[in-house]
Structures are given as C-alpha cells and as structure tokens.
C-alpha cells in the first residue's frame, strides 16, 4: 500500500494530481500552520504575458491551522480569478467543454473554509480527469508519517527534489511565445489536453 502525504492546494499543480493518481492512498494535511506563498491558496496559469499566480486572501484567527482558515471576500478575487482563467484559456481546445464545471467555484456557491473549498475543487478535478484516488484528511499533525511526504516538496518557490515527477511537454496555447511552461495548475493540462490529460499523470 503506497501512501502519500500532501498539503491542500487550490487548483493544484500537475505534480500534485500525479500523486493522487499514482498512490493507493493520499492524506491531506489539515493540522499544519498556514503558509503564505504556497499552493494552499494559489495556482499558476499560463497567460499571454507568461506565468501568472492567482492567489486568494484568507482570514487569520488565533488558530492558524489549515483546518480553521477561512476564505476572505476581500478584493473581489473570485471575479478576478475567473476573468484571468477565461482570458488565459478561452482559446484553448477544451475550455468551452469544461468551463461549466469550473465556473461554480467562483460564482455559484460560497465556501467558508479553505480546506473545504480546496477539497471540493480536487473532487471535481478528479472526476473530470477520470481518476479515483482514496483521499482522507489527517486526524492530527503528521509529524512522523509512514507515507511519502510531499508537503514541502510541491511548492511554487524552491521546490524540493522529486525524482518520481518528470515533466512531459504537451500542447499549450502560448507555447510558441513562451516555450513549454511545466507544472502549472491542473487547469492548464485539462483545458489544453481534455480527456488525454490523464496520460500525463
């Protein structure tokens, strides 16, 4: 039984979804302290200007564990994020096919907690990718886990080595302008490759 330990992510990178696809069981850490500038509340998309980070604000309280972090409505970020995604991927081969599955995360329902919001996104993305991971949340902080620990490996800045993840180029809308941009949000793979996305995981 191969187990992976992951941090929660917001439309996480391809590397994160590869773990969901390849491990028998995945635990999502919900008792760690929130960390800024990580995939916990940001994703990376490809735009005409290059890679763009989309991050949303969270509300900090006395207890800053992931399980207690709440989404903030500051800055109208839901509208901003959706407009950025639609602008970046509107011309991609499969945007129109999937947009009705993605748009509700920005307009049709308001989640209160970060962990619930990210989990709902991950469940939908897994359905669209046709992968069926066994996922559960940690019951306490996993200080000494028998799982392969990717909590600090998969991060946008200074990621740690991951020999099991090898980037495979695929079609991207702005590839001629920027070259291939690896390990972006799973949205990039889905909108560009559609049903073939699973073969890159």
N, C-alpha and C. Protein backbone atom coordinates (compact mmCIF):
# COMPACT_ATOMS: atom_id res chain seq x y z
N UNK A 1 0.85 -1.20 0.00
CA UNK A 1 0.00 0.00 0.00
C UNK A 1 0.88 1.25 0.00
N UNK A 2 0.86 2.00 -1.08
CA UNK A 2 1.66 3.22 -1.18
C UNK A 2 0.82 4.40 -0.73
N UNK A 3 1.37 5.16 0.23
CA UNK A 3 0.66 6.30 0.77
C UNK A 3 1.43 7.58 0.50
N UNK A 4 0.70 8.65 0.20
CA UNK A 4 1.30 9.96 0.01
C UNK A 4 0.68 10.95 0.98
N UNK A 5 1.48 11.87 1.46
CA UNK A 5 1.03 12.93 2.35
C UNK A 5 1.19 14.25 1.62
N UNK A 6 0.09 14.98 1.44
CA UNK A 6 0.10 16.21 0.66
C UNK A 6 -0.47 17.37 1.45
N UNK A 7 -0.05 18.56 1.09
CA UNK A 7 -0.71 19.77 1.57
C UNK A 7 -1.93 20.03 0.70
N UNK A 8 -2.91 20.74 1.22
CA UNK A 8 -4.06 21.10 0.42
C UNK A 8 -3.64 22.10 -0.66
N UNK A 9 -4.33 22.09 -1.80
CA UNK A 9 -3.98 23.01 -2.88
C UNK A 9 -5.23 23.60 -3.53
N UNK A 10 -5.04 24.78 -4.12
CA UNK A 10 -6.07 25.49 -4.87
C UNK A 10 -5.79 25.28 -6.36
N UNK A 11 -6.62 24.46 -7.04
CA UNK A 11 -6.35 24.08 -8.42
C UNK A 11 -4.85 23.73 -8.55
N UNK A 12 -4.45 22.73 -7.77
CA UNK A 12 -3.04 22.38 -7.60
C UNK A 12 -2.30 22.09 -8.89
N UNK A 13 -0.98 22.02 -8.81
CA UNK A 13 -0.17 21.78 -9.99
C UNK A 13 -0.28 20.32 -10.46
N UNK A 14 0.18 20.09 -11.66
CA UNK A 14 0.12 18.75 -12.24
C UNK A 14 0.82 17.74 -11.34
N UNK A 15 1.92 18.12 -10.75
CA UNK A 15 2.69 17.24 -9.85
C UNK A 15 1.82 16.72 -8.71
N UNK A 16 0.98 17.59 -8.15
CA UNK A 16 0.10 17.23 -7.03
C UNK A 16 -0.92 16.19 -7.47
N UNK A 17 -1.51 16.41 -8.65
CA UNK A 17 -2.50 15.45 -9.15
C UNK A 17 -1.87 14.14 -9.59
N UNK A 18 -0.59 14.19 -9.96
CA UNK A 18 0.10 12.94 -10.27
C UNK A 18 0.13 12.03 -9.04
N UNK A 19 0.33 12.63 -7.87
CA UNK A 19 0.35 11.84 -6.64
C UNK A 19 -1.03 11.22 -6.38
N UNK A 20 -2.08 11.99 -6.61
CA UNK A 20 -3.43 11.45 -6.42
C UNK A 20 -3.66 10.25 -7.34
N UNK A 21 -3.10 10.31 -8.51
CA UNK A 21 -3.32 9.25 -9.50
C UNK A 21 -2.47 8.01 -9.24
N UNK A 22 -1.28 8.20 -8.67
CA UNK A 22 -0.32 7.10 -8.59
C UNK A 22 -0.24 6.41 -7.24
N UNK A 23 -0.79 7.03 -6.21
CA UNK A 23 -0.70 6.42 -4.88
C UNK A 23 -2.01 5.72 -4.52
N UNK A 24 -1.88 4.66 -3.73
CA UNK A 24 -3.06 3.90 -3.31
C UNK A 24 -3.92 4.70 -2.34
N UNK A 25 -3.26 5.49 -1.52
CA UNK A 25 -3.97 6.28 -0.51
C UNK A 25 -3.27 7.61 -0.34
N UNK A 26 -4.05 8.66 -0.17
CA UNK A 26 -3.50 10.01 -0.01
C UNK A 26 -4.10 10.66 1.22
N UNK A 27 -3.24 11.24 2.04
CA UNK A 27 -3.70 12.03 3.19
C UNK A 27 -3.43 13.50 2.91
N UNK A 28 -4.43 14.33 3.19
CA UNK A 28 -4.28 15.77 3.06
C UNK A 28 -4.08 16.36 4.45
N UNK A 29 -2.97 17.04 4.64
CA UNK A 29 -2.65 17.61 5.95
C UNK A 29 -3.55 18.80 6.26
N UNK A 30 -4.31 18.71 7.36
CA UNK A 30 -5.18 19.82 7.73
C UNK A 30 -4.82 20.43 9.09
N UNK A 31 -3.77 19.90 9.73
CA UNK A 31 -3.40 20.41 11.05
C UNK A 31 -2.09 21.18 11.05
N UNK A 32 -1.52 21.41 9.87
CA UNK A 32 -0.32 22.24 9.80
C UNK A 32 -0.71 23.71 9.87
N UNK A 33 0.26 24.56 10.19
CA UNK A 33 0.01 26.00 10.18
C UNK A 33 -0.02 26.50 8.73
N UNK A 34 -0.87 27.47 8.49
CA UNK A 34 -0.97 28.04 7.15
C UNK A 34 0.35 28.70 6.76
N UNK A 35 0.76 28.49 5.51
CA UNK A 35 1.99 29.11 5.00
C UNK A 35 1.65 29.98 3.80
N UNK A 36 2.19 31.19 3.80
CA UNK A 36 1.97 32.11 2.69
C UNK A 36 2.78 31.68 1.47
N UNK A 37 2.36 32.16 0.31
CA UNK A 37 3.06 31.96 -0.96
C UNK A 37 3.28 30.47 -1.26
N UNK A 38 2.23 29.69 -1.02
CA UNK A 38 2.27 28.26 -1.36
C UNK A 38 1.03 27.94 -2.18
N UNK A 39 0.95 26.70 -2.64
CA UNK A 39 -0.21 26.28 -3.42
C UNK A 39 -1.47 26.13 -2.58
N UNK A 40 -1.37 26.34 -1.29
CA UNK A 40 -2.53 26.18 -0.43
C UNK A 40 -3.63 27.18 -0.79
N UNK A 41 -3.24 28.35 -1.26
CA UNK A 41 -4.24 29.34 -1.69
C UNK A 41 -3.82 30.04 -2.98
N UNK A 42 -3.03 29.35 -3.81
CA UNK A 42 -2.65 29.94 -5.09
C UNK A 42 -2.45 28.87 -6.14
N UNK A 43 -2.63 29.28 -7.40
CA UNK A 43 -2.32 28.39 -8.51
C UNK A 43 -1.59 29.20 -9.58
N UNK A 44 -0.97 28.49 -10.51
CA UNK A 44 -0.18 29.13 -11.56
C UNK A 44 -0.79 28.79 -12.91
N UNK A 45 -1.09 29.83 -13.70
CA UNK A 45 -1.67 29.62 -15.02
C UNK A 45 -0.78 30.26 -16.07
N UNK A 46 -0.97 29.86 -17.33
CA UNK A 46 -0.22 30.42 -18.45
C UNK A 46 -1.06 31.48 -19.14
N UNK A 47 -0.51 32.68 -19.27
CA UNK A 47 -1.21 33.77 -19.94
C UNK A 47 -0.36 34.29 -21.08
N UNK A 48 -0.91 35.23 -21.83
CA UNK A 48 -0.15 35.80 -22.94
C UNK A 48 1.12 36.50 -22.46
N UNK A 49 1.15 36.88 -21.16
CA UNK A 49 2.33 37.53 -20.59
C UNK A 49 3.30 36.54 -19.93
N UNK A 50 2.93 35.27 -19.90
CA UNK A 50 3.75 34.26 -19.23
C UNK A 50 3.01 33.67 -18.05
N UNK A 51 3.74 33.15 -17.08
CA UNK A 51 3.10 32.53 -15.92
C UNK A 51 2.53 33.60 -14.99
N UNK A 52 1.29 33.38 -14.57
CA UNK A 52 0.63 34.29 -13.64
C UNK A 52 0.17 33.51 -12.42
N UNK A 53 0.45 34.04 -11.25
CA UNK A 53 0.00 33.44 -10.00
C UNK A 53 -1.35 34.04 -9.61
N UNK A 54 -2.30 33.17 -9.31
CA UNK A 54 -3.60 33.61 -8.79
C UNK A 54 -3.69 33.17 -7.34
N UNK A 55 -3.79 34.11 -6.44
CA UNK A 55 -3.89 33.75 -5.03
C UNK A 55 -5.07 34.48 -4.41
N UNK A 56 -5.69 33.83 -3.44
CA UNK A 56 -6.84 34.46 -2.78
C UNK A 56 -6.52 34.71 -1.31
N UNK A 57 -7.15 35.72 -0.70
CA UNK A 57 -6.88 36.06 0.69
C UNK A 57 -7.60 35.12 1.65
N UNK A 58 -7.00 34.94 2.80
CA UNK A 58 -7.61 34.14 3.86
C UNK A 58 -7.68 34.97 5.13
N UNK A 59 -8.57 34.57 6.02
CA UNK A 59 -8.73 35.26 7.29
C UNK A 59 -7.94 34.53 8.37
N UNK A 60 -7.08 35.25 9.04
CA UNK A 60 -6.26 34.67 10.10
C UNK A 60 -6.92 34.89 11.45
N UNK A 61 -6.96 33.83 12.25
CA UNK A 61 -7.51 33.93 13.60
C UNK A 61 -6.45 33.54 14.61
N UNK A 62 -6.89 33.24 15.81
CA UNK A 62 -5.96 32.85 16.86
C UNK A 62 -5.31 31.50 16.54
N UNK A 63 -6.05 30.65 15.86
CA UNK A 63 -5.55 29.32 15.47
C UNK A 63 -5.35 29.32 13.96
N UNK A 64 -4.09 29.25 13.52
CA UNK A 64 -3.82 29.38 12.09
C UNK A 64 -3.64 28.04 11.40
N UNK A 65 -4.19 26.97 11.99
CA UNK A 65 -4.13 25.68 11.31
C UNK A 65 -5.00 25.71 10.05
N UNK A 66 -4.57 24.94 9.07
CA UNK A 66 -5.30 24.88 7.80
C UNK A 66 -6.78 24.58 8.02
N UNK A 67 -7.08 23.68 8.93
CA UNK A 67 -8.47 23.28 9.17
C UNK A 67 -9.35 24.44 9.58
N UNK A 68 -8.75 25.51 10.12
CA UNK A 68 -9.52 26.64 10.63
C UNK A 68 -9.46 27.89 9.74
N UNK A 69 -8.66 27.84 8.68
CA UNK A 69 -8.51 29.02 7.84
C UNK A 69 -9.79 29.26 7.03
N UNK A 70 -10.22 30.51 7.01
CA UNK A 70 -11.44 30.87 6.29
C UNK A 70 -11.11 31.73 5.08
N UNK A 71 -11.93 31.58 4.05
CA UNK A 71 -11.76 32.41 2.85
C UNK A 71 -12.18 33.84 3.17
N UNK A 72 -11.46 34.77 2.60
CA UNK A 72 -11.82 36.18 2.73
C UNK A 72 -12.46 36.64 1.43
N UNK A 73 -13.39 37.57 1.52
CA UNK A 73 -14.02 38.13 0.32
C UNK A 73 -13.30 39.39 -0.16
N UNK A 74 -12.21 39.73 0.47
CA UNK A 74 -11.50 40.96 0.15
C UNK A 74 -11.02 40.97 -1.30
N UNK A 75 -11.21 42.07 -1.97
CA UNK A 75 -10.63 42.26 -3.29
C UNK A 75 -11.40 41.64 -4.45
N UNK A 76 -12.62 41.14 -4.19
CA UNK A 76 -13.41 40.57 -5.28
C UNK A 76 -12.62 39.53 -6.07
N UNK A 77 -11.85 38.71 -5.35
CA UNK A 77 -10.89 37.82 -6.00
C UNK A 77 -11.55 36.75 -6.86
N UNK A 78 -12.75 36.31 -6.50
CA UNK A 78 -13.39 35.26 -7.29
C UNK A 78 -13.63 35.73 -8.73
N UNK A 79 -14.15 36.94 -8.86
CA UNK A 79 -14.38 37.51 -10.19
C UNK A 79 -13.05 37.70 -10.93
N UNK A 80 -12.07 38.22 -10.23
CA UNK A 80 -10.75 38.46 -10.83
C UNK A 80 -10.13 37.16 -11.32
N UNK A 81 -10.20 36.12 -10.51
CA UNK A 81 -9.61 34.83 -10.89
C UNK A 81 -10.31 34.23 -12.10
N UNK A 82 -11.64 34.26 -12.08
CA UNK A 82 -12.36 33.67 -13.21
C UNK A 82 -12.07 34.43 -14.50
N UNK A 83 -12.00 35.74 -14.43
CA UNK A 83 -11.71 36.52 -15.63
C UNK A 83 -10.30 36.21 -16.14
N UNK A 84 -9.36 36.03 -15.23
CA UNK A 84 -7.99 35.69 -15.64
C UNK A 84 -7.94 34.31 -16.30
N UNK A 85 -8.66 33.34 -15.73
CA UNK A 85 -8.69 31.99 -16.28
C UNK A 85 -9.37 31.97 -17.64
N UNK A 86 -10.51 32.67 -17.75
CA UNK A 86 -11.24 32.71 -19.02
C UNK A 86 -10.42 33.40 -20.09
N UNK A 87 -9.70 34.46 -19.72
CA UNK A 87 -8.87 35.17 -20.68
C UNK A 87 -7.69 34.31 -21.13
N UNK A 88 -7.09 33.59 -20.19
CA UNK A 88 -5.92 32.78 -20.50
C UNK A 88 -6.26 31.56 -21.34
N UNK A 89 -7.41 30.95 -21.06
CA UNK A 89 -7.72 29.65 -21.67
C UNK A 89 -8.95 29.67 -22.60
N UNK A 90 -9.50 30.85 -22.84
CA UNK A 90 -10.67 30.93 -23.70
C UNK A 90 -10.47 30.34 -25.08
N UNK A 91 -9.23 30.39 -25.58
CA UNK A 91 -8.92 29.85 -26.91
C UNK A 91 -8.32 28.44 -26.86
N UNK A 92 -8.25 27.86 -25.68
CA UNK A 92 -7.70 26.51 -25.56
C UNK A 92 -8.71 25.50 -26.09
N UNK A 93 -8.25 24.32 -26.51
CA UNK A 93 -9.14 23.36 -27.16
C UNK A 93 -10.34 22.90 -26.34
N UNK A 94 -10.21 22.87 -25.00
CA UNK A 94 -11.27 22.26 -24.19
C UNK A 94 -11.88 23.20 -23.16
N UNK A 95 -11.60 24.51 -23.26
CA UNK A 95 -12.16 25.44 -22.27
C UNK A 95 -13.69 25.40 -22.28
N UNK A 96 -14.29 25.50 -23.45
CA UNK A 96 -15.75 25.52 -23.52
C UNK A 96 -16.36 24.21 -23.02
N UNK A 97 -15.62 23.13 -23.16
CA UNK A 97 -16.11 21.82 -22.73
C UNK A 97 -16.19 21.73 -21.20
N UNK A 98 -15.23 22.39 -20.51
CA UNK A 98 -15.15 22.25 -19.06
C UNK A 98 -15.57 23.49 -18.26
N UNK A 99 -15.79 24.60 -18.92
CA UNK A 99 -15.99 25.84 -18.16
C UNK A 99 -17.19 25.78 -17.22
N UNK A 100 -18.24 25.06 -17.61
CA UNK A 100 -19.42 24.98 -16.74
C UNK A 100 -19.15 24.17 -15.47
N UNK A 101 -18.11 23.33 -15.50
CA UNK A 101 -17.72 22.58 -14.30
C UNK A 101 -16.86 23.42 -13.37
N UNK A 102 -16.14 24.39 -13.94
CA UNK A 102 -15.18 25.17 -13.16
C UNK A 102 -15.79 26.47 -12.62
N UNK A 103 -16.65 27.11 -13.42
CA UNK A 103 -17.21 28.40 -13.03
C UNK A 103 -17.89 28.41 -11.66
N UNK A 104 -18.62 27.35 -11.27
CA UNK A 104 -19.31 27.39 -9.96
C UNK A 104 -18.39 27.65 -8.77
N UNK A 105 -17.11 27.35 -8.89
CA UNK A 105 -16.20 27.59 -7.77
C UNK A 105 -15.92 29.08 -7.56
N UNK A 106 -16.40 29.90 -8.48
CA UNK A 106 -16.18 31.34 -8.37
C UNK A 106 -17.47 32.13 -8.19
N UNK A 107 -18.62 31.56 -8.58
CA UNK A 107 -19.83 32.38 -8.60
C UNK A 107 -21.05 31.76 -7.93
N UNK A 108 -21.21 30.46 -7.95
CA UNK A 108 -22.50 29.90 -7.59
C UNK A 108 -22.62 29.42 -6.15
N UNK A 109 -21.51 29.36 -5.45
CA UNK A 109 -21.56 28.91 -4.06
C UNK A 109 -20.39 29.51 -3.30
N UNK A 110 -20.62 29.87 -2.07
CA UNK A 110 -19.55 30.42 -1.25
C UNK A 110 -19.14 29.41 -0.18
N UNK A 111 -17.90 28.97 -0.23
CA UNK A 111 -17.36 28.11 0.82
C UNK A 111 -16.78 29.00 1.91
N UNK A 112 -16.87 28.56 3.14
CA UNK A 112 -16.32 29.34 4.25
C UNK A 112 -14.88 28.98 4.55
N UNK A 113 -14.58 27.68 4.52
CA UNK A 113 -13.25 27.23 4.95
C UNK A 113 -12.37 26.84 3.77
N UNK A 114 -11.12 27.18 3.86
CA UNK A 114 -10.12 26.87 2.84
C UNK A 114 -10.08 25.38 2.52
N UNK A 115 -10.03 24.55 3.54
CA UNK A 115 -9.87 23.11 3.34
C UNK A 115 -11.08 22.53 2.60
N UNK A 116 -12.28 23.01 2.90
CA UNK A 116 -13.48 22.53 2.22
C UNK A 116 -13.52 22.97 0.76
N UNK A 117 -13.13 24.21 0.54
CA UNK A 117 -13.10 24.76 -0.82
C UNK A 117 -12.12 23.98 -1.69
N UNK A 118 -10.91 23.81 -1.19
CA UNK A 118 -9.90 23.09 -1.96
C UNK A 118 -10.29 21.62 -2.19
N UNK A 119 -10.91 21.02 -1.19
CA UNK A 119 -11.32 19.61 -1.34
C UNK A 119 -12.41 19.48 -2.41
N UNK A 120 -13.35 20.41 -2.43
CA UNK A 120 -14.41 20.37 -3.44
C UNK A 120 -13.82 20.53 -4.84
N UNK A 121 -12.86 21.43 -4.98
CA UNK A 121 -12.18 21.61 -6.26
C UNK A 121 -11.48 20.32 -6.67
N UNK A 122 -10.72 19.72 -5.75
CA UNK A 122 -9.98 18.50 -6.07
C UNK A 122 -10.91 17.36 -6.48
N UNK A 123 -12.05 17.24 -5.80
CA UNK A 123 -13.01 16.19 -6.15
C UNK A 123 -13.53 16.37 -7.57
N UNK A 124 -13.86 17.60 -7.92
CA UNK A 124 -14.35 17.87 -9.28
C UNK A 124 -13.26 17.63 -10.31
N UNK A 125 -12.06 18.07 -10.03
CA UNK A 125 -10.97 17.87 -10.99
C UNK A 125 -10.69 16.39 -11.19
N UNK A 126 -10.75 15.60 -10.13
CA UNK A 126 -10.54 14.16 -10.26
C UNK A 126 -11.63 13.52 -11.12
N UNK A 127 -12.85 13.99 -10.95
CA UNK A 127 -13.95 13.47 -11.78
C UNK A 127 -13.70 13.80 -13.26
N UNK A 128 -13.28 15.01 -13.54
CA UNK A 128 -13.04 15.43 -14.92
C UNK A 128 -11.83 14.71 -15.52
N UNK A 129 -10.86 14.40 -14.68
CA UNK A 129 -9.66 13.69 -15.15
C UNK A 129 -9.88 12.19 -15.24
N UNK A 130 -10.96 11.73 -14.63
CA UNK A 130 -11.27 10.30 -14.54
C UNK A 130 -10.22 9.55 -13.73
N UNK A 131 -9.85 10.14 -12.59
CA UNK A 131 -9.00 9.43 -11.63
C UNK A 131 -9.81 9.28 -10.35
N UNK A 132 -9.51 8.24 -9.58
CA UNK A 132 -10.36 7.89 -8.44
C UNK A 132 -9.50 7.61 -7.21
N UNK A 133 -8.88 8.65 -6.65
CA UNK A 133 -8.00 8.44 -5.51
C UNK A 133 -8.75 8.19 -4.21
N UNK A 134 -8.10 7.46 -3.31
CA UNK A 134 -8.62 7.28 -1.95
C UNK A 134 -8.00 8.37 -1.09
N UNK A 135 -8.78 9.40 -0.78
CA UNK A 135 -8.26 10.58 -0.10
C UNK A 135 -8.96 10.77 1.24
N UNK A 136 -8.17 11.11 2.25
CA UNK A 136 -8.76 11.49 3.54
C UNK A 136 -7.89 12.56 4.18
N UNK A 137 -8.45 13.25 5.15
CA UNK A 137 -7.70 14.28 5.86
C UNK A 137 -6.99 13.68 7.06
N UNK A 138 -5.88 14.29 7.43
CA UNK A 138 -5.17 13.84 8.62
C UNK A 138 -6.00 14.09 9.87
N UNK A 139 -5.90 13.19 10.84
CA UNK A 139 -6.62 13.34 12.10
C UNK A 139 -5.84 14.18 13.10
N UNK A 140 -4.53 14.25 12.91
CA UNK A 140 -3.66 15.10 13.71
C UNK A 140 -2.46 15.44 12.85
N UNK A 141 -1.62 16.37 13.33
CA UNK A 141 -0.46 16.75 12.53
C UNK A 141 0.45 15.54 12.33
N UNK A 142 0.76 15.25 11.08
CA UNK A 142 1.55 14.07 10.74
C UNK A 142 3.04 14.39 10.85
N UNK A 143 3.56 14.36 12.07
CA UNK A 143 4.98 14.67 12.27
C UNK A 143 5.87 13.53 11.81
N UNK A 144 5.46 12.31 12.09
CA UNK A 144 6.22 11.12 11.68
C UNK A 144 5.28 10.16 10.96
N UNK A 145 5.17 10.37 9.67
CA UNK A 145 4.24 9.58 8.89
C UNK A 145 4.98 8.48 8.13
N UNK A 146 4.29 7.36 7.91
CA UNK A 146 4.88 6.29 7.10
C UNK A 146 4.60 6.51 5.62
N UNK A 147 3.95 7.63 5.30
CA UNK A 147 3.65 7.96 3.90
C UNK A 147 4.81 8.73 3.28
N UNK A 148 4.86 8.74 1.95
CA UNK A 148 5.80 9.61 1.25
C UNK A 148 5.32 11.04 1.42
N UNK A 149 6.14 11.87 2.01
CA UNK A 149 5.74 13.21 2.43
C UNK A 149 6.10 14.25 1.35
N UNK A 150 5.06 14.82 0.74
CA UNK A 150 5.28 15.82 -0.31
C UNK A 150 4.81 17.21 0.12
N UNK A 151 4.57 17.40 1.42
CA UNK A 151 4.03 18.68 1.88
C UNK A 151 4.93 19.85 1.54
N UNK A 152 6.23 19.65 1.66
CA UNK A 152 7.17 20.74 1.37
C UNK A 152 7.89 20.53 0.04
N UNK A 153 7.64 19.41 -0.60
CA UNK A 153 8.26 19.12 -1.90
C UNK A 153 7.56 19.90 -3.00
N UNK A 154 6.23 19.89 -2.96
CA UNK A 154 5.42 20.52 -4.00
C UNK A 154 5.07 21.93 -3.56
N UNK A 155 5.82 22.88 -4.06
CA UNK A 155 5.60 24.28 -3.72
C UNK A 155 6.12 25.17 -4.85
N UNK A 156 5.55 26.36 -5.02
CA UNK A 156 5.92 27.20 -6.16
C UNK A 156 7.32 27.77 -6.08
N UNK A 157 7.79 28.05 -4.88
CA UNK A 157 9.13 28.63 -4.72
C UNK A 157 10.05 27.62 -4.04
N UNK A 158 11.19 27.39 -4.65
CA UNK A 158 12.21 26.47 -4.14
C UNK A 158 11.64 25.09 -3.80
N UNK A 159 11.02 24.43 -4.77
CA UNK A 159 10.52 23.07 -4.52
C UNK A 159 11.67 22.11 -4.25
N UNK A 160 11.41 21.09 -3.46
CA UNK A 160 12.43 20.09 -3.17
C UNK A 160 12.45 19.04 -4.28
N UNK A 161 13.54 18.30 -4.42
CA UNK A 161 13.63 17.30 -5.49
C UNK A 161 12.53 16.24 -5.39
N UNK A 162 12.04 15.84 -6.55
CA UNK A 162 11.02 14.80 -6.63
C UNK A 162 11.34 13.94 -7.85
N UNK A 163 12.09 12.86 -7.61
CA UNK A 163 12.55 12.02 -8.72
C UNK A 163 11.39 11.32 -9.43
N UNK A 164 10.25 11.20 -8.76
CA UNK A 164 9.12 10.50 -9.37
C UNK A 164 8.32 11.38 -10.32
N UNK A 165 8.63 12.67 -10.34
CA UNK A 165 7.88 13.59 -11.21
C UNK A 165 8.78 14.07 -12.34
N UNK A 166 8.44 13.67 -13.54
CA UNK A 166 9.17 14.10 -14.73
C UNK A 166 8.19 14.83 -15.63
N UNK A 167 8.52 16.06 -15.97
CA UNK A 167 7.63 16.86 -16.80
C UNK A 167 7.61 16.33 -18.22
N UNK A 168 6.40 16.14 -18.75
CA UNK A 168 6.23 15.73 -20.14
C UNK A 168 5.54 16.86 -20.89
N UNK A 169 6.18 17.44 -21.89
CA UNK A 169 5.57 18.55 -22.63
C UNK A 169 4.26 18.14 -23.29
N UNK A 170 3.34 19.07 -23.36
CA UNK A 170 2.07 18.88 -24.04
C UNK A 170 1.70 20.20 -24.71
N UNK A 171 0.65 20.20 -25.51
CA UNK A 171 0.22 21.41 -26.19
C UNK A 171 -0.20 22.48 -25.19
N UNK A 172 0.30 23.71 -25.38
CA UNK A 172 -0.14 24.86 -24.61
C UNK A 172 -0.41 26.02 -25.57
N UNK A 173 -1.43 26.81 -25.27
CA UNK A 173 -1.86 27.88 -26.17
C UNK A 173 -0.72 28.84 -26.50
N UNK A 174 0.09 29.19 -25.49
CA UNK A 174 1.13 30.21 -25.69
C UNK A 174 2.53 29.60 -25.81
N UNK A 175 2.59 28.34 -26.21
CA UNK A 175 3.89 27.67 -26.27
C UNK A 175 4.85 28.32 -27.27
N UNK A 176 4.33 28.76 -28.40
CA UNK A 176 5.21 29.39 -29.38
C UNK A 176 5.81 30.69 -28.86
N UNK A 177 5.10 31.35 -27.99
CA UNK A 177 5.57 32.62 -27.44
C UNK A 177 6.51 32.43 -26.25
N UNK A 178 6.18 31.49 -25.37
CA UNK A 178 6.92 31.35 -24.11
C UNK A 178 7.68 30.03 -23.98
N UNK A 179 7.52 29.14 -24.96
CA UNK A 179 8.07 27.80 -24.77
C UNK A 179 7.16 27.02 -23.85
N UNK A 180 7.49 25.77 -23.61
CA UNK A 180 6.66 24.95 -22.72
C UNK A 180 6.85 25.39 -21.28
N UNK A 181 5.75 25.60 -20.56
CA UNK A 181 5.77 26.02 -19.16
C UNK A 181 5.36 24.82 -18.31
N UNK A 182 6.27 24.24 -17.54
CA UNK A 182 5.98 22.99 -16.82
C UNK A 182 5.25 23.19 -15.50
N UNK A 183 4.54 22.15 -15.10
CA UNK A 183 3.95 22.02 -13.77
C UNK A 183 3.07 23.19 -13.36
N UNK A 184 2.25 23.64 -14.30
CA UNK A 184 1.28 24.68 -13.98
C UNK A 184 0.07 24.04 -13.30
N UNK A 185 -0.94 24.85 -13.03
CA UNK A 185 -2.19 24.34 -12.46
C UNK A 185 -2.75 23.23 -13.32
N UNK A 186 -3.43 22.31 -12.68
CA UNK A 186 -4.09 21.22 -13.40
C UNK A 186 -5.07 21.78 -14.44
N UNK A 187 -5.54 23.01 -14.24
CA UNK A 187 -6.41 23.64 -15.23
C UNK A 187 -5.73 23.75 -16.58
N UNK A 188 -4.44 24.05 -16.58
CA UNK A 188 -3.70 24.19 -17.83
C UNK A 188 -3.70 22.88 -18.61
N UNK A 189 -3.44 21.78 -17.92
CA UNK A 189 -3.43 20.47 -18.57
C UNK A 189 -4.84 20.10 -19.05
N UNK A 190 -5.83 20.34 -18.23
CA UNK A 190 -7.20 19.94 -18.58
C UNK A 190 -7.73 20.74 -19.77
N UNK A 191 -7.56 22.07 -19.74
CA UNK A 191 -8.09 22.90 -20.82
C UNK A 191 -7.35 22.66 -22.15
N UNK A 192 -6.09 22.29 -22.07
CA UNK A 192 -5.33 22.09 -23.30
C UNK A 192 -5.42 20.67 -23.85
N UNK A 193 -5.55 19.68 -22.96
CA UNK A 193 -5.49 18.29 -23.41
C UNK A 193 -6.80 17.52 -23.24
N UNK A 194 -7.73 18.03 -22.47
CA UNK A 194 -9.02 17.38 -22.33
C UNK A 194 -8.92 15.96 -21.83
N UNK A 195 -9.62 15.02 -22.43
CA UNK A 195 -9.63 13.63 -21.95
C UNK A 195 -8.26 12.96 -21.98
N UNK A 196 -7.32 13.52 -22.75
CA UNK A 196 -5.98 12.94 -22.79
C UNK A 196 -5.12 13.36 -21.60
N UNK A 197 -5.64 14.27 -20.75
CA UNK A 197 -4.85 14.77 -19.63
C UNK A 197 -4.38 13.64 -18.71
N UNK A 198 -5.20 12.63 -18.55
CA UNK A 198 -4.85 11.54 -17.63
C UNK A 198 -3.54 10.87 -18.03
N UNK A 199 -3.21 10.87 -19.32
CA UNK A 199 -2.00 10.21 -19.77
C UNK A 199 -0.73 10.96 -19.36
N UNK A 200 -0.89 12.18 -18.86
CA UNK A 200 0.25 12.96 -18.39
C UNK A 200 0.40 12.87 -16.88
N UNK A 201 -0.45 12.07 -16.24
CA UNK A 201 -0.39 11.89 -14.81
C UNK A 201 0.19 10.53 -14.45
